[in-house]
Protein backbone atom coordinates (compact mmCIF):
# COMPACT_ATOMS: atom_id res chain seq x y z
CA UNK A 1 0.00 0.00 0.00
CA UNK A 2 1.54 3.29 -1.13
CA UNK A 3 1.56 6.25 1.23
CA UNK A 4 2.88 9.79 1.67
CA UNK A 5 3.57 11.38 5.05
CA UNK A 6 2.85 15.06 5.57
CA UNK A 7 2.08 17.63 8.24
CA UNK A 8 0.72 21.11 8.84
CA UNK A 9 2.32 22.81 11.87
CA UNK A 10 3.11 19.40 13.31
CA UNK A 11 -0.38 17.96 12.84
CA UNK A 12 0.68 14.90 10.85
CA UNK A 13 -1.08 12.59 8.42
CA UNK A 14 -0.70 9.40 6.46
CA UNK A 15 -1.93 10.11 2.92
CA UNK A 16 -3.29 7.14 0.98
CA UNK A 17 -3.81 7.47 -2.79
CA UNK A 18 -7.03 5.65 -3.68
CA UNK A 19 -8.54 7.58 -6.62
CA UNK A 20 -11.18 4.99 -7.47
CA UNK A 21 -12.16 4.04 -3.92
CA UNK A 22 -10.82 0.48 -4.20
CA UNK A 23 -9.05 0.38 -0.85
CA UNK A 24 -10.80 -1.47 1.97
CA UNK A 25 -10.13 1.19 4.59
CA UNK A 26 -11.34 0.12 8.03
CA UNK A 27 -11.13 1.67 11.51
CA UNK A 28 -8.66 -1.03 12.54
CA UNK A 29 -6.41 -0.36 9.55
CA UNK A 30 -6.47 3.40 10.17
CA UNK A 31 -5.62 2.94 13.85
CA UNK A 32 -2.77 0.59 12.93
CA UNK A 33 -1.33 3.02 10.37
CA UNK A 34 -1.47 5.85 12.92
CA UNK A 35 0.20 3.83 15.69
CA UNK A 36 3.51 5.59 16.41
CA UNK A 37 5.30 2.41 17.47
CA UNK A 38 3.89 -0.37 15.28
CA UNK A 39 2.69 1.68 12.31
CA UNK A 40 3.76 4.78 10.41
CA UNK A 41 2.49 7.14 13.07
CA UNK A 42 0.12 10.06 12.56
CA UNK A 43 -2.76 12.08 13.96
CA UNK A 44 -4.98 10.87 11.14
CA UNK A 45 -5.35 9.38 7.67
CA UNK A 46 -6.23 11.29 4.49
CA UNK A 47 -7.58 9.07 1.74
CA UNK A 48 -7.26 10.70 -1.68
CA UNK A 49 -10.37 9.57 -3.57
CA UNK A 50 -12.45 11.06 -6.35
CA UNK A 51 -15.71 12.51 -5.06
CA UNK A 52 -17.73 10.43 -7.49
CA UNK A 53 -16.15 7.25 -6.14
CA UNK A 54 -17.02 7.76 -2.46
CA UNK A 55 -20.56 7.68 -1.05
CA UNK A 56 -19.88 10.66 1.23
CA UNK A 57 -18.40 12.68 -1.62
CA UNK A 58 -20.69 11.83 -4.53
CA UNK A 59 -23.02 14.75 -3.84
CA UNK A 60 -20.10 17.15 -4.28
CA UNK A 61 -18.75 15.63 -7.50
CA UNK A 62 -20.12 18.46 -9.65
CA UNK A 63 -18.20 21.03 -7.62
CA UNK A 64 -14.99 19.22 -6.68
CA UNK A 65 -13.27 16.28 -8.35
CA UNK A 66 -11.50 15.17 -5.16
CA UNK A 67 -12.94 14.23 -1.78
CA UNK A 68 -10.89 14.32 1.44
CA UNK A 69 -11.84 11.15 3.30
CA UNK A 70 -10.45 12.04 6.73
CA UNK A 71 -10.09 9.54 9.60
CA UNK A 72 -8.90 10.28 13.14
CA UNK A 73 -6.06 8.28 14.67
CA UNK A 74 -8.47 6.05 16.59
CA UNK A 75 -10.23 4.98 13.40
CA UNK A 76 -13.22 7.29 13.75
CA UNK A 77 -14.36 9.52 10.89
CA UNK A 78 -14.36 13.32 11.12
CA UNK A 79 -16.18 15.96 9.12
CA UNK A 80 -13.31 18.42 8.66
CA UNK A 81 -9.62 18.92 9.34
CA UNK A 82 -8.19 22.35 8.60
CA UNK A 83 -4.55 21.26 8.61
CA UNK A 84 -5.46 18.08 6.77
CA UNK A 85 -7.17 19.86 3.90
CA UNK A 86 -4.09 22.02 3.32
CA UNK A 87 -1.80 18.97 3.30
CA UNK A 88 -4.31 17.14 1.10
CA UNK A 89 -4.32 20.04 -1.35
CA UNK A 90 -0.51 20.11 -1.39
CA UNK A 91 -0.55 16.42 -2.28
CA UNK A 92 -3.02 16.87 -5.15
CA UNK A 93 -0.96 19.70 -6.60
CA UNK A 94 2.41 17.98 -6.17
CA UNK A 95 1.19 14.81 -7.86
CA UNK A 96 -0.36 16.66 -10.79
CA UNK A 97 -3.81 15.35 -9.87
CA UNK A 98 -5.28 18.84 -9.84
CA UNK A 99 -4.47 22.45 -10.60
CA UNK A 100 -5.72 25.56 -8.86
CA UNK A 101 -8.02 27.77 -10.89
CA UNK A 102 -8.42 31.55 -10.53
CA UNK A 103 -10.47 31.10 -7.35
CA UNK A 104 -8.39 28.23 -6.01
CA UNK A 105 -8.60 24.45 -5.87
CA UNK A 106 -11.97 23.05 -4.74
CA UNK A 107 -11.79 20.12 -2.31
CA UNK A 108 -14.84 18.25 -1.07
CA UNK A 109 -15.06 17.36 2.62
CA UNK A 110 -17.83 15.99 4.81
CA UNK A 111 -18.38 19.61 5.93
CA UNK A 112 -18.79 20.83 2.34
CA UNK A 113 -16.53 22.12 -0.44
CA UNK A 114 -13.62 24.38 0.51
CA UNK A 115 -11.21 26.32 -1.72
CA UNK A 116 -7.44 26.00 -1.34
CA UNK A 117 -5.19 28.81 -2.61
CA UNK A 118 -1.57 27.63 -2.79
CA UNK A 119 1.47 29.74 -2.02
CA UNK A 120 5.14 28.81 -2.15
CA UNK A 121 5.37 27.74 1.49
CA UNK A 122 1.82 28.08 2.77
CA UNK A 123 -1.66 27.21 1.63
CA UNK A 124 -4.72 29.29 2.49
CA UNK A 125 -8.09 27.59 2.55
CA UNK A 126 -11.43 29.33 2.38
CA UNK A 127 -13.26 27.52 5.15
CA UNK A 128 -16.92 27.18 6.02
CA UNK A 129 -18.09 30.11 8.13
CA UNK A 130 -17.63 29.33 11.83
CA UNK A 131 -20.76 29.64 13.97
CA UNK A 132 -20.58 30.46 17.68
CA UNK A 133 -23.78 28.99 19.08
CA UNK A 134 -23.71 28.12 22.79
CA UNK A 135 -21.97 28.54 26.13
CA UNK A 136 -20.54 25.46 27.82
CA UNK A 137 -17.63 24.32 30.00
CA UNK A 138 -14.58 22.06 29.86
CA UNK A 139 -13.06 20.30 32.86
CA UNK A 140 -9.34 19.58 33.21
CA UNK A 141 -8.27 18.17 36.56
CA UNK A 142 -9.64 20.52 39.23
CA UNK A 143 -10.41 23.27 36.71
CA UNK A 144 -13.82 23.86 35.18
CA UNK A 145 -13.39 26.50 32.49
CA UNK A 146 -16.23 28.34 30.72
CA UNK A 147 -16.14 28.39 26.96
CA UNK A 148 -18.08 28.79 23.74
CA UNK A 149 -19.28 26.12 21.35
CA UNK A 150 -18.26 26.78 17.73
CA UNK A 151 -19.41 24.87 14.66
CA UNK A 152 -16.70 24.82 11.97
CA UNK A 153 -18.26 21.93 10.11
CA UNK A 154 -17.06 19.91 13.08
CA UNK A 155 -17.64 20.67 16.78
CA UNK A 156 -15.33 22.81 18.94
CA UNK A 157 -15.32 24.17 22.47
CA UNK A 158 -13.08 27.25 22.84
CA UNK A 159 -12.06 28.11 26.40
CA UNK A 160 -9.94 31.00 27.70
CA UNK A 161 -7.80 30.11 30.70
CA UNK A 162 -8.35 32.21 33.82
CA UNK A 163 -5.64 34.58 34.99
CA UNK A 164 -2.80 32.81 36.75
CA UNK A 165 -3.21 29.51 34.88
CA UNK A 166 -0.36 28.81 32.49
CA UNK A 167 -1.21 27.11 29.19
CA UNK A 168 1.80 24.80 29.49
CA UNK A 169 0.65 23.62 32.91
CA UNK A 170 -2.47 21.83 31.64
CA UNK A 171 -2.36 18.05 31.79
CA UNK A 172 -3.98 16.91 28.55
CA UNK A 173 -2.99 13.25 28.75
CA UNK A 174 -6.66 12.52 29.43
CA UNK A 175 -9.64 13.88 27.54
CA UNK A 176 -11.19 17.00 29.08
CA UNK A 177 -14.67 16.65 30.49
CA UNK A 178 -17.49 18.31 28.56
CA UNK A 179 -21.29 18.44 28.41
CA UNK A 180 -22.47 15.56 26.26
CA UNK A 181 -25.88 17.16 25.93
CA UNK A 182 -24.24 20.04 24.05
CA UNK A 183 -21.79 17.82 22.14
CA UNK A 184 -23.45 14.44 21.57
CA UNK A 185 -20.90 13.49 18.89
CA UNK A 186 -17.89 14.54 20.97
CA UNK A 187 -15.88 17.75 20.66
CA UNK A 188 -12.46 19.22 19.99
CA UNK A 189 -11.49 21.34 23.00
CA UNK A 190 -9.24 24.39 22.60
CA UNK A 191 -7.54 26.12 25.53
CA UNK A 192 -6.31 29.65 24.89
CA UNK A 193 -4.41 32.58 26.34
CA UNK A 194 -3.94 35.99 24.77
CA UNK A 195 -0.60 36.86 23.19
CA UNK A 196 1.45 40.00 22.76
CA UNK A 197 0.89 42.00 19.54
CA UNK A 198 2.56 40.54 16.45
CA UNK A 199 3.22 42.01 13.02
CA UNK A 200 0.56 41.59 10.31
CA UNK A 201 -2.15 40.46 12.73
CA UNK A 202 -4.89 42.33 14.58
CA UNK A 203 -5.05 39.78 17.40
CA UNK A 204 -2.72 37.12 18.77
CA UNK A 205 -3.74 33.97 20.64
CA UNK A 206 -1.87 30.95 22.02
CA UNK A 207 -3.67 27.62 21.85
CA UNK A 208 -3.46 23.99 22.91
CA UNK A 209 -6.00 21.44 21.76
CA UNK A 210 -7.36 18.03 22.65
CA UNK A 211 -8.77 16.60 19.45
CA UNK A 212 -11.72 14.26 19.37
CA UNK A 213 -10.40 10.89 18.22
CA UNK A 214 -6.71 11.86 18.26
CA UNK A 215 -5.91 13.17 21.81
CA UNK A 216 -3.63 16.22 22.17
CA UNK A 217 -2.03 17.25 18.90
CA UNK A 218 0.58 19.84 18.02
CA UNK A 219 -1.98 21.74 15.98
CA UNK A 220 -5.62 21.76 14.85
CA UNK A 221 -6.58 23.88 11.86
CA UNK A 222 -10.33 23.93 12.36
CA UNK A 223 -9.62 24.53 16.05
CA UNK A 224 -7.57 27.60 15.12
CA UNK A 225 -10.51 28.77 13.00
CA UNK A 226 -12.83 28.38 16.00
CA UNK A 227 -10.37 30.24 18.24
CA UNK A 228 -10.05 33.02 15.68
CA UNK A 229 -13.82 33.38 15.45
CA UNK A 230 -14.15 33.70 19.23
CA UNK A 231 -11.23 36.13 19.46
CA UNK A 232 -12.75 38.44 16.83
CA UNK A 233 -16.19 38.14 18.46
CA UNK A 234 -14.78 39.04 21.87
CA UNK A 235 -12.97 42.03 20.35
CA UNK A 236 -16.21 43.26 18.77
CA UNK A 237 -14.83 42.81 15.27
CA UNK A 238 -16.51 41.36 12.19
CA UNK A 239 -13.28 41.31 10.17
CA UNK A 240 -9.61 40.96 10.98
CA UNK A 241 -6.55 38.75 11.13
CA UNK A 242 -5.81 36.50 14.10
CA UNK A 243 -2.40 34.88 14.60
CA UNK A 244 -2.93 31.56 16.41
CA UNK A 245 0.21 30.03 17.88
CA UNK A 246 0.04 26.28 18.50
CA UNK A 247 2.81 24.00 19.80
CA UNK A 248 3.68 23.14 16.19
CA UNK A 249 3.92 26.67 14.80
CA UNK A 250 1.64 29.49 13.69
CA UNK A 251 -1.65 29.51 11.79
CA UNK A 252 -3.44 32.61 10.54
CA UNK A 253 -7.20 33.06 10.57
CA UNK A 254 -8.68 35.86 8.47
CA UNK A 255 -12.24 37.12 8.28
CA UNK A 256 -12.32 39.36 5.22
CA UNK A 257 -14.65 42.18 4.24
CA UNK A 258 -16.55 39.88 1.88
CA UNK A 259 -17.66 37.62 4.72
CA UNK A 260 -15.16 34.88 3.88
CA UNK A 261 -13.09 32.99 6.44
CA UNK A 262 -9.57 31.82 5.63
CA UNK A 263 -7.12 29.51 7.37
CA UNK A 264 -3.49 29.77 6.27
CA UNK A 265 -0.33 27.96 7.27
CA UNK A 266 2.39 25.61 6.06
CA UNK A 267 1.61 22.29 4.37
CA UNK A 268 4.61 19.97 4.11
CA UNK A 269 5.06 16.60 2.38
CA UNK A 270 7.88 14.68 4.05
CA UNK A 271 8.23 11.24 2.51
CA UNK A 272 6.69 8.61 0.30
CA UNK A 273 6.89 4.86 0.64
CA UNK A 274 5.11 1.54 0.75
CA UNK A 275 3.68 -0.13 3.84
CA UNK A 276 3.01 -3.84 4.26
CA UNK A 277 -0.55 -3.83 5.56
CA UNK A 278 -0.19 -7.45 6.66
CA UNK A 279 2.62 -6.46 9.02
CA UNK A 280 0.52 -3.87 10.86
CA UNK A 281 -0.77 -4.91 14.24
């Protein structure tokens, strides 16, 4: 089975080319591929399949040739991955499977079609508009922290740490507690602190994240989008640029004056190879 390994700000993926949907991809196989000791190791799997060849992508085939079939490291399926879609787009472009038009490269996801605009080192993706819709809380150890629920095509809970609590001090080895009535399908939980002003950004936020199905990761693109939406909302702004620093680097969230939301950051392809699926355990 051929694969490529890539990452976006340290959020890493195993990319599987399967244009005609012939691969028997199962939760067990995904979990084995993502195992960092007995597999390749990754936060998730990106299957590269034509929209028309996948039941979840067929409805988008008229708008996007390629469907990002994204799986979390535990073998569960997710609607969207902001870092993943940039890495996925980089793969399509590097392999000559697609070219970006004047508006960008359309990619179908379970959250809808997004547009990727490639740069030399970074890729910006026009994301679905984030929707802040409810108040809730997250619990980490003795802390219960208020936050806001944000729909980015997948569910997020954005929390701001209280004064005196250092972001690095959080123990995220275990999943944070959350209200299952608000998030019946689980949730990605972002913990944030404000940052000092940085060049070319209106706001600056530091973030750590516990991802549904993947545990703590070095970065979460859709999580950064959710954090950016809350930061702009709290600042009373409808537009602006938010620099979001994650353990793996920096992502940029932009709400432009045309009502569009963009996520930008690096998208790196590291290696290609072949894995013996029979040897995975």
